[in-house]
Protein backbone atom coordinates (compact mmCIF):
# COMPACT_ATOMS: atom_id res chain seq x y z
CA MET A 1 -0.05 0.17 0.06
CA LEU A 2 2.79 2.39 0.94
CA ARG A 3 4.40 1.73 -2.50
CA ALA A 4 1.31 2.66 -4.27
CA ALA A 5 1.03 5.91 -2.33
CA PRO A 6 3.32 7.99 -4.72
CA LEU A 7 1.25 6.66 -7.76
CA ILE A 8 -2.11 7.76 -5.98
CA LEU A 9 -0.72 11.22 -5.20
CA THR A 10 0.67 11.55 -8.78
CA ALA A 11 -2.79 10.69 -10.32
CA LEU A 12 -4.66 13.03 -8.18
CA PHE A 13 -2.30 15.79 -8.94
CA LEU A 14 -2.67 15.05 -12.87
CA PHE A 15 -6.53 14.52 -12.72
CA PRO A 16 -7.71 16.62 -9.95
CA ASN A 17 -11.39 16.17 -11.12
CA PHE A 18 -11.47 12.71 -10.58
CA ILE A 19 -12.13 12.76 -6.90
CA HIS A 20 -14.86 15.42 -7.46
CA SER A 21 -16.78 13.35 -10.22
CA ALA A 22 -20.62 13.50 -9.41
CA PRO A 23 -22.47 10.16 -8.90
CA ILE A 24 -24.88 9.47 -11.89
CA ASP A 25 -28.03 10.36 -9.64
CA ALA A 26 -26.57 13.71 -9.27
CA VAL A 27 -26.12 14.40 -12.98
CA TRP A 28 -28.92 12.30 -14.22
CA SER A 29 -30.54 15.35 -16.21
CA ASP A 30 -27.22 16.25 -17.78
CA ALA A 31 -27.09 12.80 -19.86
CA GLN A 32 -27.71 13.38 -23.54
CA ALA A 33 -29.11 11.08 -26.07
CA PRO A 34 -26.59 9.41 -28.38
CA GLU A 35 -26.70 10.46 -32.09
CA LYS A 36 -29.09 8.63 -34.34
CA PRO A 37 -27.01 5.34 -35.66
CA ALA A 38 -26.63 4.83 -39.28
CA LEU A 39 -28.61 2.13 -40.65
CA THR A 40 -27.18 -0.58 -43.12
CA PRO A 41 -28.59 -2.02 -46.14
CA VAL A 42 -28.25 -5.89 -45.99
CA THR A 43 -28.69 -8.80 -48.36
CA ILE A 44 -29.47 -11.98 -46.86
CA ASN A 45 -27.80 -15.46 -47.33
CA SER A 46 -30.77 -17.49 -46.68
CA GLY A 47 -28.57 -20.69 -46.22
CA ASP A 48 -26.90 -19.40 -43.09
CA THR A 49 -29.30 -16.94 -41.55
CA ALA A 50 -32.26 -17.53 -39.37
CA LEU A 51 -34.94 -15.00 -38.48
CA LEU A 52 -35.79 -14.94 -34.67
CA ILE A 53 -39.43 -13.67 -33.61
CA LEU A 54 -39.00 -13.11 -29.98
CA ASP A 55 -42.09 -13.15 -27.51
CA ILE A 56 -44.76 -11.73 -29.97
CA GLU A 57 -47.61 -12.84 -27.73
CA GLU A 58 -50.94 -11.65 -26.21
CA LEU A 59 -49.26 -11.55 -22.84
CA THR A 60 -46.45 -9.26 -23.65
CA CYS A 61 -47.71 -7.44 -26.97
CA ASN A 62 -51.16 -5.55 -26.35
CA THR A 63 -52.62 -2.14 -26.02
CA LYS A 64 -52.27 -2.14 -22.29
CA ARG A 65 -48.69 -3.22 -21.56
CA ARG A 66 -46.90 -2.55 -24.65
CA PRO A 67 -48.73 -0.77 -27.45
CA ARG A 68 -45.45 0.03 -29.20
CA CYS A 69 -45.30 -3.71 -29.69
CA LEU A 70 -48.40 -3.78 -31.72
CA GLU A 71 -46.97 -1.21 -34.00
CA THR A 72 -44.11 -3.24 -34.95
CA VAL A 73 -46.19 -6.54 -35.83
CA PRO A 74 -46.95 -5.57 -39.50
CA ARG A 75 -43.00 -5.05 -40.02
CA ILE A 76 -42.25 -8.21 -38.31
CA VAL A 77 -44.97 -9.95 -40.57
CA ASP A 78 -43.29 -8.35 -43.48
CA ILE A 79 -39.99 -9.70 -42.71
CA MET A 80 -41.29 -13.14 -41.89
CA THR A 81 -43.15 -13.45 -45.28
CA ARG A 82 -40.24 -12.66 -47.33
CA ALA A 83 -37.94 -14.68 -45.10
CA ARG A 84 -40.11 -17.75 -45.51
CA LYS A 85 -40.39 -17.13 -49.28
CA ALA A 86 -36.65 -17.10 -49.55
CA GLY A 87 -36.17 -20.40 -47.51
CA VAL A 88 -34.97 -18.73 -44.48
CA THR A 89 -35.39 -20.51 -41.14
CA VAL A 90 -37.75 -18.73 -38.87
CA ILE A 91 -37.66 -19.54 -35.10
CA TYR A 92 -39.96 -18.39 -32.53
CA SER A 93 -39.75 -17.93 -28.79
CA LEU A 94 -42.14 -17.88 -25.83
CA THR A 95 -42.02 -16.11 -22.40
CA SER A 96 -41.99 -18.19 -19.51
CA ARG A 97 -45.80 -18.07 -19.25
CA GLY A 98 -46.46 -18.48 -22.73
CA THR A 99 -47.77 -21.16 -24.95
CA PRO A 100 -47.80 -21.45 -28.80
CA ARG A 101 -51.62 -20.53 -28.46
CA THR A 102 -50.58 -16.98 -27.16
CA ILE A 103 -48.50 -16.12 -30.01
CA LEU A 104 -50.42 -13.28 -31.98
CA ALA A 105 -52.20 -14.74 -34.91
CA GLN A 106 -50.57 -12.48 -37.41
CA VAL A 107 -47.11 -14.17 -36.70
CA THR A 108 -48.36 -17.59 -36.29
CA PRO A 109 -45.64 -20.19 -36.70
CA LYS A 110 -45.96 -22.84 -39.54
CA GLU A 111 -45.74 -26.40 -39.05
CA GLY A 112 -41.98 -27.30 -38.57
CA GLU A 113 -41.09 -24.04 -37.49
CA ALA A 114 -39.06 -24.19 -34.21
CA ILE A 115 -40.23 -22.80 -30.83
CA VAL A 116 -38.32 -22.37 -27.84
CA GLN A 117 -39.20 -21.14 -24.36
CA SER A 118 -37.18 -19.25 -21.75
CA SER A 119 -36.69 -16.09 -19.90
CA VAL A 120 -34.73 -13.11 -21.46
CA ASP A 121 -31.94 -15.12 -22.95
CA LYS A 122 -33.52 -17.41 -25.54
CA PHE A 123 -30.47 -19.65 -25.48
CA TRP A 124 -30.57 -20.42 -21.86
CA LYS A 125 -31.85 -23.85 -21.00
CA THR A 126 -33.35 -24.37 -24.58
CA ASP A 127 -32.46 -26.11 -27.82
CA LEU A 128 -31.95 -22.70 -29.57
CA GLU A 129 -28.04 -23.18 -29.94
CA LYS A 130 -28.40 -26.83 -31.11
CA ILE A 131 -31.06 -25.91 -33.65
CA LEU A 132 -28.79 -23.19 -35.19
CA LYS A 133 -25.85 -25.32 -35.42
CA GLU A 134 -27.79 -28.19 -37.09
CA ARG A 135 -28.91 -25.73 -39.79
CA ASN A 136 -25.46 -24.24 -40.16
CA ILE A 137 -26.65 -20.75 -39.00
CA ARG A 138 -24.11 -18.00 -38.63
CA ASN A 139 -26.16 -15.03 -38.55
CA VAL A 140 -29.45 -14.19 -36.84
CA ILE A 141 -31.93 -11.41 -37.57
CA ILE A 142 -33.35 -10.39 -34.26
CA THR A 143 -37.16 -8.90 -33.82
CA GLY A 144 -39.56 -9.02 -31.23
CA THR A 145 -39.97 -7.69 -27.49
CA ALA A 146 -39.03 -6.65 -25.11
CA ALA A 147 -36.12 -4.63 -26.44
CA HIS A 148 -34.30 -4.33 -22.93
CA GLY A 149 -35.57 -8.27 -22.34
CA ALA A 150 -35.43 -10.89 -24.99
CA VAL A 151 -33.87 -8.87 -27.89
CA MET A 152 -31.06 -7.37 -25.94
CA HIS A 153 -30.28 -10.57 -24.15
CA THR A 154 -30.57 -12.99 -27.03
CA ALA A 155 -28.55 -10.63 -29.27
CA THR A 156 -25.85 -10.51 -26.63
CA ALA A 157 -25.90 -14.48 -26.17
CA ALA A 158 -25.68 -14.81 -30.02
CA GLY A 159 -22.55 -12.40 -30.05
CA PHE A 160 -20.96 -14.32 -27.43
CA ARG A 161 -21.34 -17.49 -29.76
CA GLY A 162 -19.46 -15.74 -32.45
CA MET A 163 -22.64 -15.14 -34.58
CA GLY A 164 -23.53 -12.13 -36.83
CA VAL A 165 -26.72 -10.26 -35.25
CA LEU A 166 -28.83 -8.30 -37.64
CA LEU A 167 -30.95 -5.82 -35.83
CA PRO A 168 -33.85 -3.99 -37.58
CA VAL A 169 -34.41 -1.31 -35.28
CA ASP A 170 -37.97 -0.86 -36.28
CA CYS A 171 -38.76 -4.24 -35.36
CA LEU A 172 -38.20 -4.12 -31.64
CA SER A 173 -40.17 -2.54 -28.73
CA ALA A 174 -40.50 -1.71 -25.38
CA LYS A 175 -43.00 0.43 -23.24
CA ASP A 176 -41.28 3.65 -24.08
CA LEU A 177 -38.97 5.20 -26.69
CA TYR A 178 -36.10 5.77 -24.13
CA THR A 179 -35.79 2.09 -23.46
CA GLU A 180 -35.97 1.18 -27.07
CA GLN A 181 -33.30 3.88 -27.92
CA ALA A 182 -31.17 2.70 -24.91
CA THR A 183 -31.22 -1.00 -26.15
CA VAL A 184 -30.15 -0.03 -29.63
CA GLU A 185 -27.15 2.04 -28.14
CA LEU A 186 -26.23 -0.73 -25.86
CA LEU A 187 -26.08 -3.34 -28.61
CA LYS A 188 -24.36 -1.20 -30.75
CA THR A 189 -21.56 -0.17 -28.15
CA GLY A 190 -21.55 -3.23 -25.76
CA PRO A 191 -18.70 -5.56 -25.65
CA GLY A 192 -20.54 -8.66 -26.38
CA THR A 193 -22.15 -7.30 -29.70
CA ARG A 194 -20.26 -4.22 -30.97
CA LYS A 195 -18.21 -6.47 -33.26
CA ARG A 196 -20.90 -8.44 -34.25
CA ILE A 197 -24.00 -6.36 -35.01
CA THR A 198 -25.37 -4.72 -37.89
CA LEU A 199 -28.28 -2.06 -37.49
CA THR A 200 -30.65 -1.94 -40.22
CA SER A 201 -34.34 -1.81 -40.73
CA SER A 202 -37.21 -3.97 -42.22
CA GLN A 203 -37.06 -2.22 -45.40
CA LEU A 204 -33.46 -2.17 -45.72
CA ILE A 205 -33.35 -6.05 -45.59
CA ASN A 206 -33.20 -7.82 -48.80
CA PHE A 207 -33.99 -11.42 -49.40
CA PRO A 208 -32.76 -12.50 -52.79
């Protein structure tokens, strides 16, 4: 400890403001929103890409709990329809209380399309990783709700596994705009995804 004292004193001399840094709760209102991220056009390789539709259920996607989720459904339907036509693997998830019957009718799974069930990380205690490996999937398009729940945690888990993450920002939802914005920023800059993620939108995704 005594040997470290000169280094500590030097640091305090060179960086005097360090010890006066205010805690986040004291400067909460000073925080500024990040710049709007650039969105990238993407052409999908149907052989190594899967579309994940996460927790689009009556329990989570309704006018009372999360009305913004309902606004994303037509865009998710559009991606789903084009993905199926191109032969892209489509995989669904359920919340811990959901059942296949609680999935919204607009995005009802087709026979043979996989459904996994877990909490916010859809890799956790499910066959998702096994399914993706069996189908040689290297990239996932992640859509669904909640942005700060299933979307963020599943995207991060995919990034940890070395997968490319394609995030159409108009196909995720939360209760409010701030949470959606924060999710996009955290996935863009977070250590688990920043080198793996591509921010895009439903209309910028091309299925050849």
